[in-house]
Structure formats: structure tokens, C-alpha cells
């Protein structure tokens, strides 16, 4: 076998691993940001220090750090629990679920 055929075979073997579904923590921040934005709109407020984050980018930065910490501490299951609140809950439930970490 040539080098290029080895590389092609390696690529084929590794491709399924690269196409795995993202885990709950990887998906959480985008969904949480969308929910938070809609809750701010619903409450007649906007991004700013009064809500704890100066902008959507500030929230995204915090959330990516938070989810990384959850994964590193072996608590990725908490990401799934928070996603359930985002999907099923209203804004009051969302604030309750996230209040401890915000």
C-alpha cells in the first residue's frame, strides 16, 4: 500500500468518529442563549449589566466556560437537565434552573 492509500483508509476509519452527535453540553449554550434572549424580550428588558451579561457574546463566553467546567467535573448530565428546562419550561422555570449558576 502507498502512503496515500493508507491515509485514505485512515480517513474512512476515523470519519464515523468525527460525525458523532454533539453531547448535551455542546448544544446547550446556543439553546440557552436563544431562551434567555426570548425571556429578556418577554420581560421587556435587554442585555446589560442589570441582567448579568453585557451582550449575547458575553453570555456565550460565560456559557462555554460553564459547560466546559461541567464536562471536566464529570457533570455533563446537568447539561441535559438544563436543556430539558429550556425545552419544556417557561421563563420563570428557566431563571430558577439557571439562577444558581448565573
Protein backbone atom coordinates (compact mmCIF):
# COMPACT_ATOMS: atom_id res chain seq x y z
CA UNK A 1 0.00 0.00 0.00
CA UNK A 2 1.13 3.51 -0.70
CA UNK A 3 1.13 6.38 1.74
CA UNK A 4 -1.90 7.97 0.07
CA UNK A 5 -3.89 4.73 0.22
CA UNK A 6 -3.02 4.41 3.93
CA UNK A 7 -4.25 7.96 4.51
CA UNK A 8 -7.48 7.24 2.59
CA UNK A 9 -8.09 4.13 4.69
CA UNK A 10 -7.35 6.01 7.90
CA UNK A 11 -9.75 8.77 6.88
CA UNK A 12 -12.51 6.23 6.23
CA UNK A 13 -11.91 4.60 9.59
CA UNK A 14 -11.96 7.88 11.53
CA UNK A 15 -14.83 9.55 9.69
CA UNK A 16 -17.64 7.98 11.78
CA UNK A 17 -15.99 9.23 14.98
CA UNK A 18 -15.98 12.76 13.63
CA UNK A 19 -19.67 12.62 12.76
CA UNK A 20 -20.99 11.77 16.22
CA UNK A 21 -23.94 13.67 17.58
CA UNK A 22 -22.85 16.53 19.82
CA UNK A 23 -23.48 15.92 23.50
CA UNK A 24 -25.84 17.97 25.63
CA UNK A 25 -23.19 20.45 26.75
CA UNK A 26 -22.16 21.21 23.17
CA UNK A 27 -25.74 22.11 22.24
CA UNK A 28 -26.70 23.81 25.46
CA UNK A 29 -25.26 27.30 25.01
CA UNK A 30 -26.94 28.13 21.71
CA UNK A 31 -30.29 26.95 23.04
CA UNK A 32 -29.81 28.73 26.37
CA UNK A 33 -28.86 31.98 24.63
CA UNK A 34 -31.96 31.80 22.46
CA UNK A 35 -34.16 31.13 25.52
CA UNK A 36 -32.52 33.90 27.55
CA UNK A 37 -32.99 36.38 24.70
CA UNK A 38 -36.66 35.50 24.38
CA UNK A 39 -37.13 35.78 28.15
CA UNK A 40 -35.48 39.19 28.13
CA UNK A 41 -37.85 40.27 25.35
CA UNK A 42 -40.81 38.83 27.22
CA UNK A 43 -39.82 40.73 30.36
CA UNK A 44 -39.21 43.96 28.47
CA UNK A 45 -35.51 44.01 29.28
CA UNK A 46 -32.39 43.74 27.19
CA UNK A 47 -28.79 42.66 27.50
CA UNK A 48 -26.88 44.74 30.01
CA UNK A 49 -25.25 44.55 33.38
CA UNK A 50 -28.68 44.57 35.05
CA UNK A 51 -29.25 41.02 33.72
CA UNK A 52 -25.71 39.90 34.43
CA UNK A 53 -24.38 39.92 30.87
CA UNK A 54 -23.50 42.93 28.78
CA UNK A 55 -24.30 41.19 25.49
CA UNK A 56 -25.14 37.89 23.82
CA UNK A 57 -21.41 37.40 23.24
CA UNK A 58 -20.76 37.89 26.96
CA UNK A 59 -23.37 35.24 27.77
CA UNK A 60 -21.95 32.87 25.12
CA UNK A 61 -18.47 33.26 26.60
CA UNK A 62 -19.73 32.56 30.11
CA UNK A 63 -21.81 29.60 28.95
CA UNK A 64 -18.99 27.95 27.03
CA UNK A 65 -16.80 28.19 30.13
CA UNK A 66 -19.62 26.86 32.33
CA UNK A 67 -20.31 23.85 30.10
CA UNK A 68 -16.59 23.09 29.78
CA UNK A 69 -16.36 23.05 33.57
CA UNK A 70 -19.38 20.75 33.83
CA UNK A 71 -17.79 18.29 31.42
CA UNK A 72 -14.40 18.44 33.13
CA UNK A 73 -16.01 17.83 36.53
CA UNK A 74 -17.95 14.84 35.19
CA UNK A 75 -21.30 16.58 35.44
CA UNK A 76 -22.28 16.64 31.76
CA UNK A 77 -25.64 15.13 32.78
CA UNK A 78 -26.51 18.53 34.23
CA UNK A 79 -26.35 19.96 30.72
CA UNK A 80 -29.08 17.54 29.67
CA UNK A 81 -31.17 18.51 32.70
CA UNK A 82 -30.85 22.20 31.87
CA UNK A 83 -31.79 21.54 28.25
CA UNK A 84 -34.98 19.87 29.44
CA UNK A 85 -35.87 23.06 31.34
CA UNK A 86 -35.15 25.15 28.25
CA UNK A 87 -37.33 22.93 26.08
CA UNK A 88 -40.22 22.45 28.48
CA UNK A 89 -40.19 25.37 30.86
CA UNK A 90 -41.30 28.95 30.77
CA UNK A 91 -39.07 31.88 31.62
CA UNK A 92 -39.68 31.56 35.37
CA UNK A 93 -38.54 27.92 35.27
CA UNK A 94 -35.53 28.93 33.18
CA UNK A 95 -34.44 31.59 35.65
CA UNK A 96 -34.87 29.13 38.53
CA UNK A 97 -32.81 26.45 36.79
CA UNK A 98 -30.02 28.85 35.89
CA UNK A 99 -30.19 31.14 38.92
CA UNK A 100 -27.67 29.11 40.88
CA UNK A 101 -25.01 29.44 38.18
CA UNK A 102 -25.63 32.91 36.77
